[in-house]
Amino acid sequence: MDSDAIERVAVIGCGMIGPDIAAVLVMHGITVALVGIDQADLERGLGNVRRDLEDLQSAGILTEQSVGQALDRLSGTSSIADGVKPADLVFEAVPEDVSVKQSVFAELEQHSRPGTLLCSSTSGLSPQEIAAPLADKSRMAVTHFWNPPYLVPLVEIIPHAEMDEPNRRRVERFIRSLGKEPVFLKKDIAGHIGNRLQHALYREALYLIEEGVATPGDIDRVVLNSFGPRFAVIGPMEYFDSCGLDLHQKVQSYLYPTLCSASEVQSIVLTRIAKGNLGSKTGAGLYDWSNRNESEFRRRRNSGFLERLRREHRNEQETPQ
């Protein structure tokens, strides 16, 4: 047996991300222990894994038999120690609070075997901070799966500064084996790559709403009918080059001075939070969600990624073995 093989994985956390990561793993033949806070939390998490796999079955990507086989590889526990002891790799997916993550990683090191890789799914925190309690930091990395992980290909990898090269290669090989597209950051930076780009757009969009230039619906229509579809097939830097840097120079010379430069959370967000309007989960945020169908929203969110997976699935079936 390959001593570097990753066959058993523990996923810590049953919130938005953990169950989706577990779904990716079990559908790729990995034995998974999903770790929740308590039995109720665990049952929600296990139910979400099943829901993800059934989405893929409905899309024709998985069969009923393969869903059953995947679920046979899944177990749950409310004990970190029990979940981690047999694992070759651990994905931490607990809330975005560095002190909570540090506490979890201290437990992971206590209960895991010396060769077990310890990975955080944080969407923006530093591996240097998260791994502060670890005595051995050579096996720690951030592996940021994008939401929803069972559909979105990207995984941003930010190794801890002390992670050794064999473990870096081991993490990359494993992420690729899951059908994901790993991108290594050349240096650690808050928010990594994707969230820095995404929140730069959010900041300007919120500013345009605050200034009365556009409604949230206007912002969404502009993106959905212009650079959204474009950037699904052509990367922004490739498109940037195709237009000519001299053109961008002209545009940036008058546009950059007018862009939002907020360095704190914007008031449009803070005032809504103060009123308890947190978004879809409370029925209101930038939009009124009382008349919006969340199942239909989830269908639209997933549709493009499911179509991409269907194409890949068809290509695999048509490729001669």
Foldseek 3Di string as FASTA:
>chain_A
DPPLDFAEEEEEFQPQERLLVLLLQLLLRHQYEYADQDDVSQVSSLVVSLVLVVVLCVLVLDPPVSSVSSSVSYHYDNDPLVRAAVGQEYEYDDDPDLVVLLVVVLVNQVRHDPNRAYEYQDQFDWQCSSCVNPPDLQRYWYWHQDPHNNQAQETEIERDPNHDPVNVVSVVVVSVSSVHDYDYDPHRDGSHPVRVVVVLLVQQVVVCVVVVNDAPVVSVVVCVPPVVVVCVVDPPVRVCPVVPVVVVVVVCVPPVVVGDDDPDPDPLQVVCVVVVANDCVSQHRSHRNPPPDVVVVVCVVRVVSSVVSVVVSVVVVPDDD
